[in-house]
Amino acid sequence: MNLIETLGWIATAGTLLSFAVKDMWKLRLINGLASILWVIYGILKIDNPIIVINISVIIMHLYWFYKNHIGKKENRIYK
């Protein structure tokens, strides 16, 4: 098994692990980290669909974190 294939298996394990977590914040964090590994994997394999879908997932997770955590903290400051 080469390094790129190992990276793919680690990304797979991270994705699966994220769905076993009940806390939404932790699920999105773990899944986001796995998606970063998937993007690296996709770049190394030159596989554009893997790159695009996982960048999309990362963007969705970042938006959720902003909307549910950072945005709420900013609203508290102004109130």
PDB file of N, CA and C in Angstrom:
ATOM      1  N   MET A   1       0.860  -1.168   0.000  1.00  0.00           N
ATOM      2  CA  MET A   1       0.000   0.000   0.000  1.00  0.00           C
ATOM      3  C   MET A   1       0.912   1.238   0.000  1.00  0.00           C
ATOM      4  N   ASN A   2       0.670   2.144  -0.968  1.00  0.00           N
ATOM      5  CA  ASN A   2       1.501   3.342  -1.043  1.00  0.00           C
ATOM      6  C   ASN A   2       0.935   4.467  -0.183  1.00  0.00           C
ATOM      7  N   LEU A   3       1.646   5.572  -0.114  1.00  0.00           N
ATOM      8  CA  LEU A   3       1.285   6.687   0.755  1.00  0.00           C
ATOM      9  C   LEU A   3      -0.056   7.312   0.369  1.00  0.00           C
ATOM     10  N   ILE A   4      -0.322   7.443  -0.933  1.00  0.00           N
ATOM     11  CA  ILE A   4      -1.576   8.044  -1.382  1.00  0.00           C
ATOM     12  C   ILE A   4      -2.762   7.163  -0.994  1.00  0.00           C
ATOM     13  N   GLU A   5      -2.626   5.875  -1.173  1.00  0.00           N
ATOM     14  CA  GLU A   5      -3.694   4.946  -0.797  1.00  0.00           C
ATOM     15  C   GLU A   5      -3.927   4.967   0.718  1.00  0.00           C
ATOM     16  N   THR A   6      -2.854   5.039   1.479  1.00  0.00           N
ATOM     17  CA  THR A   6      -2.974   5.135   2.939  1.00  0.00           C
ATOM     18  C   THR A   6      -3.726   6.400   3.332  1.00  0.00           C
ATOM     19  N   LEU A   7      -3.426   7.511   2.672  1.00  0.00           N
ATOM     20  CA  LEU A   7      -4.134   8.763   2.925  1.00  0.00           C
ATOM     21  C   LEU A   7      -5.630   8.605   2.649  1.00  0.00           C
ATOM     22  N   GLY A   8      -5.969   7.920   1.563  1.00  0.00           N
ATOM     23  CA  GLY A   8      -7.371   7.660   1.241  1.00  0.00           C
ATOM     24  C   GLY A   8      -8.073   6.840   2.308  1.00  0.00           C
ATOM     25  N   TRP A   9      -7.385   5.856   2.849  1.00  0.00           N
ATOM     26  CA  TRP A   9      -7.985   5.037   3.905  1.00  0.00           C
ATOM     27  C   TRP A   9      -8.148   5.822   5.210  1.00  0.00           C
ATOM     28  N   ILE A  10      -7.191   6.697   5.497  1.00  0.00           N
ATOM     29  CA  ILE A  10      -7.315   7.532   6.696  1.00  0.00           C
ATOM     30  C   ILE A  10      -8.493   8.496   6.535  1.00  0.00           C
ATOM     31  N   ALA A  11      -8.641   9.076   5.346  1.00  0.00           N
ATOM     32  CA  ALA A  11      -9.774   9.963   5.072  1.00  0.00           C
ATOM     33  C   ALA A  11     -11.095   9.203   5.188  1.00  0.00           C
ATOM     34  N   THR A  12     -11.114   7.976   4.706  1.00  0.00           N
ATOM     35  CA  THR A  12     -12.314   7.143   4.815  1.00  0.00           C
ATOM     36  C   THR A  12     -12.658   6.891   6.283  1.00  0.00           C
ATOM     37  N   ALA A  13     -11.656   6.549   7.074  1.00  0.00           N
ATOM     38  CA  ALA A  13     -11.888   6.292   8.503  1.00  0.00           C
ATOM     39  C   ALA A  13     -12.399   7.552   9.202  1.00  0.00           C
ATOM     40  N   GLY A  14     -11.844   8.695   8.854  1.00  0.00           N
ATOM     41  CA  GLY A  14     -12.307   9.943   9.446  1.00  0.00           C
ATOM     42  C   GLY A  14     -13.748  10.252   9.093  1.00  0.00           C
ATOM     43  N   THR A  15     -14.105  10.016   7.845  1.00  0.00           N
ATOM     44  CA  THR A  15     -15.484  10.237   7.407  1.00  0.00           C
ATOM     45  C   THR A  15     -16.438   9.314   8.158  1.00  0.00           C
ATOM     46  N   LEU A  16     -16.088   8.042   8.253  1.00  0.00           N
ATOM     47  CA  LEU A  16     -16.936   7.091   8.976  1.00  0.00           C
ATOM     48  C   LEU A  16     -17.033   7.442  10.452  1.00  0.00           C
ATOM     49  N   LEU A  17     -15.910   7.803  11.060  1.00  0.00           N
ATOM     50  CA  LEU A  17     -15.901   8.174  12.471  1.00  0.00           C
ATOM     51  C   LEU A  17     -16.815   9.371  12.729  1.00  0.00           C
ATOM     52  N   SER A  18     -16.823  10.324  11.815  1.00  0.00           N
ATOM     53  CA  SER A  18     -17.626  11.531  12.029  1.00  0.00           C
ATOM     54  C   SER A  18     -19.110  11.213  12.157  1.00  0.00           C
ATOM     55  N   PHE A  19     -19.569  10.205  11.464  1.00  0.00           N
ATOM     56  CA  PHE A  19     -20.985   9.854  11.523  1.00  0.00           C
ATOM     57  C   PHE A  19     -21.350   9.048  12.766  1.00  0.00           C
ATOM     58  N   ALA A  20     -20.349   8.628  13.517  1.00  0.00           N
ATOM     59  CA  ALA A  20     -20.608   7.909  14.763  1.00  0.00           C
ATOM     60  C   ALA A  20     -20.710   8.864  15.952  1.00  0.00           C
ATOM     61  N   VAL A  21     -20.411  10.138  15.725  1.00  0.00           N
ATOM     62  CA  VAL A  21     -20.418  11.140  16.783  1.00  0.00           C
ATOM     63  C   VAL A  21     -21.802  11.783  16.856  1.00  0.00           C
ATOM     64  N   LYS A  22     -22.340  11.928  18.056  1.00  0.00           N
ATOM     65  CA  LYS A  22     -23.682  12.495  18.219  1.00  0.00           C
ATOM     66  C   LYS A  22     -23.683  14.015  18.274  1.00  0.00           C
ATOM     67  N   ASP A  23     -22.621  14.608  18.793  1.00  0.00           N
ATOM     68  CA  ASP A  23     -22.532  16.055  18.908  1.00  0.00           C
ATOM     69  C   ASP A  23     -22.283  16.669  17.523  1.00  0.00           C
ATOM     70  N   MET A  24     -23.158  17.592  17.096  1.00  0.00           N
ATOM     71  CA  MET A  24     -23.066  18.160  15.753  1.00  0.00           C
ATOM     72  C   MET A  24     -21.770  18.929  15.531  1.00  0.00           C
ATOM     73  N   TRP A  25     -21.301  19.649  16.554  1.00  0.00           N
ATOM     74  CA  TRP A  25     -20.069  20.412  16.418  1.00  0.00           C
ATOM     75  C   TRP A  25     -18.890  19.466  16.150  1.00  0.00           C
ATOM     76  N   LYS A  26     -18.800  18.392  16.937  1.00  0.00           N
ATOM     77  CA  LYS A  26     -17.714  17.420  16.766  1.00  0.00           C
ATOM     78  C   LYS A  26     -17.834  16.685  15.436  1.00  0.00           C
ATOM     79  N   LEU A  27     -19.072  16.340  15.058  1.00  0.00           N
ATOM     80  CA  LEU A  27     -19.285  15.659  13.777  1.00  0.00           C
ATOM     81  C   LEU A  27     -18.753  16.515  12.635  1.00  0.00           C
ATOM     82  N   ARG A  28     -19.124  17.790  12.625  1.00  0.00           N
ATOM     83  CA  ARG A  28     -18.687  18.681  11.548  1.00  0.00           C
ATOM     84  C   ARG A  28     -17.183  18.926  11.584  1.00  0.00           C
ATOM     85  N   LEU A  29     -16.605  19.002  12.758  1.00  0.00           N
ATOM     86  CA  LEU A  29     -15.161  19.184  12.865  1.00  0.00           C
ATOM     87  C   LEU A  29     -14.413  17.969  12.310  1.00  0.00           C
ATOM     88  N   ILE A  30     -14.790  16.792  12.759  1.00  0.00           N
ATOM     89  CA  ILE A  30     -14.121  15.571  12.293  1.00  0.00           C
ATOM     90  C   ILE A  30     -14.335  15.373  10.802  1.00  0.00           C
ATOM     91  N   ASN A  31     -15.572  15.586  10.339  1.00  0.00           N
ATOM     92  CA  ASN A  31     -15.862  15.421   8.920  1.00  0.00           C
ATOM     93  C   ASN A  31     -15.124  16.466   8.088  1.00  0.00           C
ATOM     94  N   GLY A  32     -15.010  17.680   8.612  1.00  0.00           N
ATOM     95  CA  GLY A  32     -14.265  18.723   7.901  1.00  0.00           C
ATOM     96  C   GLY A  32     -12.791  18.374   7.767  1.00  0.00           C
ATOM     97  N   LEU A  33     -12.214  17.842   8.844  1.00  0.00           N
ATOM     98  CA  LEU A  33     -10.813  17.415   8.786  1.00  0.00           C
ATOM     99  C   LEU A  33     -10.633  16.264   7.793  1.00  0.00           C
ATOM    100  N   ALA A  34     -11.579  15.334   7.788  1.00  0.00           N
ATOM    101  CA  ALA A  34     -11.524  14.231   6.823  1.00  0.00           C
ATOM    102  C   ALA A  34     -11.657  14.766   5.401  1.00  0.00           C
ATOM    103  N   SER A  35     -12.493  15.772   5.215  1.00  0.00           N
ATOM    104  CA  SER A  35     -12.665  16.366   3.881  1.00  0.00           C
ATOM    105  C   SER A  35     -11.379  17.033   3.401  1.00  0.00           C
ATOM    106  N   ILE A  36     -10.642  17.645   4.337  1.00  0.00           N
ATOM    107  CA  ILE A  36      -9.347  18.219   3.959  1.00  0.00           C
ATOM    108  C   ILE A  36      -8.412  17.115   3.466  1.00  0.00           C
ATOM    109  N   LEU A  37      -8.424  15.978   4.167  1.00  0.00           N
ATOM    110  CA  LEU A  37      -7.603  14.845   3.715  1.00  0.00           C
ATOM    111  C   LEU A  37      -8.055  14.358   2.345  1.00  0.00           C
ATOM    112  N   TRP A  38      -9.384  14.351   2.111  1.00  0.00           N
ATOM    113  CA  TRP A  38      -9.916  13.948   0.809  1.00  0.00           C
ATOM    114  C   TRP A  38      -9.469  14.910  -0.296  1.00  0.00           C
ATOM    115  N   VAL A  39      -9.421  16.197   0.003  1.00  0.00           N
ATOM    116  CA  VAL A  39      -8.963  17.171  -0.998  1.00  0.00           C
ATOM    117  C   VAL A  39      -7.501  16.902  -1.345  1.00  0.00           C
ATOM    118  N   ILE A  40      -6.680  16.682  -0.340  1.00  0.00           N
ATOM    119  CA  ILE A  40      -5.264  16.364  -0.587  1.00  0.00           C
ATOM    120  C   ILE A  40      -5.159  15.092  -1.418  1.00  0.00           C
ATOM    121  N   TYR A  41      -5.937  14.082  -1.040  1.00  0.00           N
ATOM    122  CA  TYR A  41      -5.963  12.822  -1.788  1.00  0.00           C
ATOM    123  C   TYR A  41      -6.359  13.076  -3.245  1.00  0.00           C
ATOM    124  N   GLY A  42      -7.420  13.860  -3.443  1.00  0.00           N
ATOM    125  CA  GLY A  42      -7.887  14.153  -4.800  1.00  0.00           C
ATOM    126  C   GLY A  42      -6.848  14.892  -5.623  1.00  0.00           C
ATOM    127  N   ILE A  43      -6.126  15.810  -4.988  1.00  0.00           N
ATOM    128  CA  ILE A  43      -5.062  16.528  -5.699  1.00  0.00           C
ATOM    129  C   ILE A  43      -3.949  15.568  -6.100  1.00  0.00           C
ATOM    130  N   LEU A  44      -3.549  14.704  -5.177  1.00  0.00           N
ATOM    131  CA  LEU A  44      -2.482  13.745  -5.474  1.00  0.00           C
ATOM    132  C   LEU A  44      -2.888  12.745  -6.555  1.00  0.00           C
ATOM    133  N   LYS A  45      -4.163  12.377  -6.576  1.00  0.00           N
ATOM    134  CA  LYS A  45      -4.664  11.414  -7.582  1.00  0.00           C
ATOM    135  C   LYS A  45      -5.146  12.115  -8.859  1.00  0.00           C
ATOM    136  N   ILE A  46      -5.163  13.461  -8.827  1.00  0.00           N
ATOM    137  CA  ILE A  46      -5.699  14.282  -9.913  1.00  0.00           C
ATOM    138  C   ILE A  46      -7.130  13.841 -10.218  1.00  0.00           C
ATOM    139  N   ASP A  47      -7.959  13.871  -9.194  1.00  0.00           N
ATOM    140  CA  ASP A  47      -9.360  13.433  -9.278  1.00  0.00           C
ATOM    141  C   ASP A  47     -10.276  14.606  -8.920  1.00  0.00           C
ATOM    142  N   ASN A  48     -10.685  15.342  -9.949  1.00  0.00           N
ATOM    143  CA  ASN A  48     -11.449  16.572  -9.742  1.00  0.00           C
ATOM    144  C   ASN A  48     -12.777  16.385  -9.011  1.00  0.00           C
ATOM    145  N   PRO A  49     -13.567  15.342  -9.276  1.00  0.00           N
ATOM    146  CA  PRO A  49     -14.821  15.195  -8.527  1.00  0.00           C
ATOM    147  C   PRO A  49     -14.606  15.076  -7.012  1.00  0.00           C
ATOM    148  N   ILE A  50     -13.573  14.372  -6.596  1.00  0.00           N
ATOM    149  CA  ILE A  50     -13.279  14.250  -5.161  1.00  0.00           C
ATOM    150  C   ILE A  50     -12.892  15.610  -4.592  1.00  0.00           C
ATOM    151  N   ILE A  51     -12.108  16.371  -5.338  1.00  0.00           N
ATOM    152  CA  ILE A  51     -11.698  17.697  -4.890  1.00  0.00           C
ATOM    153  C   ILE A  51     -12.905  18.612  -4.739  1.00  0.00           C
ATOM    154  N   VAL A  52     -13.752  18.656  -5.763  1.00  0.00           N
ATOM    155  CA  VAL A  52     -14.893  19.582  -5.772  1.00  0.00           C
ATOM    156  C   VAL A  52     -15.892  19.252  -4.667  1.00  0.00           C
ATOM    157  N   ILE A  53     -16.265  18.000  -4.521  1.00  0.00           N
ATOM    158  CA  ILE A  53     -17.271  17.659  -3.510  1.00  0.00           C
ATOM    159  C   ILE A  53     -16.752  17.942  -2.107  1.00  0.00           C
ATOM    160  N   ASN A  54     -15.492  17.662  -1.858  1.00  0.00           N
ATOM    161  CA  ASN A  54     -14.971  17.861  -0.504  1.00  0.00           C
ATOM    162  C   ASN A  54     -14.691  19.321  -0.191  1.00  0.00           C
ATOM    163  N   ILE A  55     -14.330  20.122  -1.172  1.00  0.00           N
ATOM    164  CA  ILE A  55     -14.243  21.561  -0.940  1.00  0.00           C
ATOM    165  C   ILE A  55     -15.632  22.103  -0.644  1.00  0.00           C
ATOM    166  N   SER A  56     -16.646  21.592  -1.347  1.00  0.00           N
ATOM    167  CA  SER A  56     -18.031  22.006  -1.074  1.00  0.00           C
ATOM    168  C   SER A  56     -18.443  21.644   0.346  1.00  0.00           C
ATOM    169  N   VAL A  57     -18.090  20.457   0.789  1.00  0.00           N
ATOM    170  CA  VAL A  57     -18.412  20.024   2.154  1.00  0.00           C
ATOM    171  C   VAL A  57     -17.714  20.926   3.174  1.00  0.00           C
ATOM    172  N   ILE A  58     -16.453  21.249   2.929  1.00  0.00           N
ATOM    173  CA  ILE A  58     -15.709  22.123   3.835  1.00  0.00           C
ATOM    174  C   ILE A  58     -16.378  23.493   3.928  1.00  0.00           C
ATOM    175  N   ILE A  59     -16.788  24.037   2.794  1.00  0.00           N
ATOM    176  CA  ILE A  59     -17.466  25.336   2.783  1.00  0.00           C
ATOM    177  C   ILE A  59     -18.768  25.267   3.579  1.00  0.00           C
ATOM    178  N   MET A  60     -19.539  24.192   3.403  1.00  0.00           N
ATOM    179  CA  MET A  60     -20.792  24.045   4.156  1.00  0.00           C
ATOM    180  C   MET A  60     -20.528  23.963   5.659  1.00  0.00           C
ATOM    181  N   HIS A  61     -19.490  23.227   6.052  1.00  0.00           N
ATOM    182  CA  HIS A  61     -19.158  23.131   7.476  1.00  0.00           C
ATOM    183  C   HIS A  61     -18.724  24.491   8.023  1.00  0.00           C
ATOM    184  N   LEU A  62     -17.898  25.210   7.281  1.00  0.00           N
ATOM    185  CA  LEU A  62     -17.453  26.524   7.736  1.00  0.00           C
ATOM    186  C   LEU A  62     -18.626  27.487   7.885  1.00  0.00           C
ATOM    187  N   TYR A  63     -19.553  27.439   6.941  1.00  0.00           N
ATOM    188  CA  TYR A  63     -20.738  28.288   7.039  1.00  0.00           C
ATOM    189  C   TYR A  63     -21.547  27.931   8.280  1.00  0.00           C
ATOM    190  N   TRP A  64     -21.709  26.636   8.542  1.00  0.00           N
ATOM    191  CA  TRP A  64     -22.462  26.197   9.732  1.00  0.00           C
ATOM    192  C   TRP A  64     -21.784  26.702  11.004  1.00  0.00           C
ATOM    193  N   PHE A  65     -20.436  26.559  11.074  1.00  0.00           N
ATOM    194  CA  PHE A  65     -19.719  27.041  12.251  1.00  0.00           C
ATOM    195  C   PHE A  65     -19.910  28.542  12.413  1.00  0.00           C
ATOM    196  N   TYR A  66     -19.830  29.277  11.326  1.00  0.00           N
ATOM    197  CA  TYR A  66     -20.023  30.724  11.405  1.00  0.00           C
ATOM    198  C   TYR A  66     -21.439  31.056  11.863  1.00  0.00           C
ATOM    199  N   LYS A  67     -22.412  30.436  11.231  1.00  0.00           N
ATOM    200  CA  LYS A  67     -23.815  30.721  11.523  1.00  0.00           C
ATOM    201  C   LYS A  67     -24.183  30.344  12.952  1.00  0.00           C
ATOM    202  N   ASN A  68     -23.708  29.226  13.451  1.00  0.00           N
ATOM    203  CA  ASN A  68     -24.138  28.707  14.745  1.00  0.00           C
ATOM    204  C   ASN A  68     -23.239  29.055  15.921  1.00  0.00           C
ATOM    205  N   HIS A  69     -22.053  29.509  15.668  1.00  0.00           N
ATOM    206  CA  HIS A  69     -21.159  29.789  16.785  1.00  0.00           C
ATOM    207  C   HIS A  69     -20.575  31.191  16.708  1.00  0.00           C
ATOM    208  N   ILE A  70     -19.897  31.515  15.660  1.00  0.00           N
ATOM    209  CA  ILE A  70     -19.266  32.827  15.552  1.00  0.00           C
ATOM    210  C   ILE A  70     -20.331  33.911  15.417  1.00  0.00           C
ATOM    211  N   GLY A  71     -21.330  33.684  14.571  1.00  0.00           N
ATOM    212  CA  GLY A  71     -22.393  34.656  14.381  1.00  0.00           C
ATOM    213  C   GLY A  71     -23.164  34.925  15.667  1.00  0.00           C
ATOM    214  N   LYS A  72     -23.397  33.915  16.462  1.00  0.00           N
ATOM    215  CA  LYS A  72     -24.123  34.082  17.736  1.00  0.00           C
ATOM    216  C   LYS A  72     -23.292  34.908  18.712  1.00  0.00           C
ATOM    217  N   LYS A  73     -21.978  34.696  18.735  1.00  0.00           N
ATOM    218  CA  LYS A  73     -21.130  35.462  19.634  1.00  0.00           C
ATOM    219  C   LYS A  73     -21.119  36.937  19.227  1.00  0.00           C
ATOM    220  N   GLU A  74     -21.085  37.215  17.914  1.00  0.00           N
ATOM    221  CA  GLU A  74     -21.089  38.602  17.449  1.00  0.00           C
ATOM    222  C   GLU A  74     -22.402  39.275  17.827  1.00  0.00           C
ATOM    223  N   ASN A  75     -23.506  38.571  17.752  1.00  0.00           N
ATOM    224  CA  ASN A  75     -24.809  39.145  18.112  1.00  0.00           C
ATOM    225  C   ASN A  75     -24.872  39.491  19.585  1.00  0.00           C
ATOM    226  N   ARG A  76     -24.228  38.722  20.423  1.00  0.00           N
ATOM    227  CA  ARG A  76     -24.237  38.984  21.871  1.00  0.00           C
ATOM    228  C   ARG A  76     -23.489  40.274  22.200  1.00  0.00           C
ATOM    229  N   ILE A  77     -22.452  40.562  21.438  1.00  0.00           N
ATOM    230  CA  ILE A  77     -21.654  41.754  21.700  1.00  0.00           C
ATOM    231  C   ILE A  77     -22.493  43.017  21.487  1.00  0.00           C
ATOM    232  N   TYR A  78     -23.315  43.024  20.458  1.00  0.00           N
ATOM    233  CA  TYR A  78     -24.082  44.210  20.127  1.00  0.00           C
ATOM    234  C   TYR A  78     -25.339  44.369  20.950  1.00  0.00           C
ATOM    235  N   LYS A  79     -25.764  43.357  21.677  1.00  0.00           N
ATOM    236  CA  LYS A  79     -27.004  43.444  22.442  1.00  0.00           C
ATOM    237  C   LYS A  79     -26.786  43.965  23.828  1.00  0.00           C
TER     238      LYS A  79
END
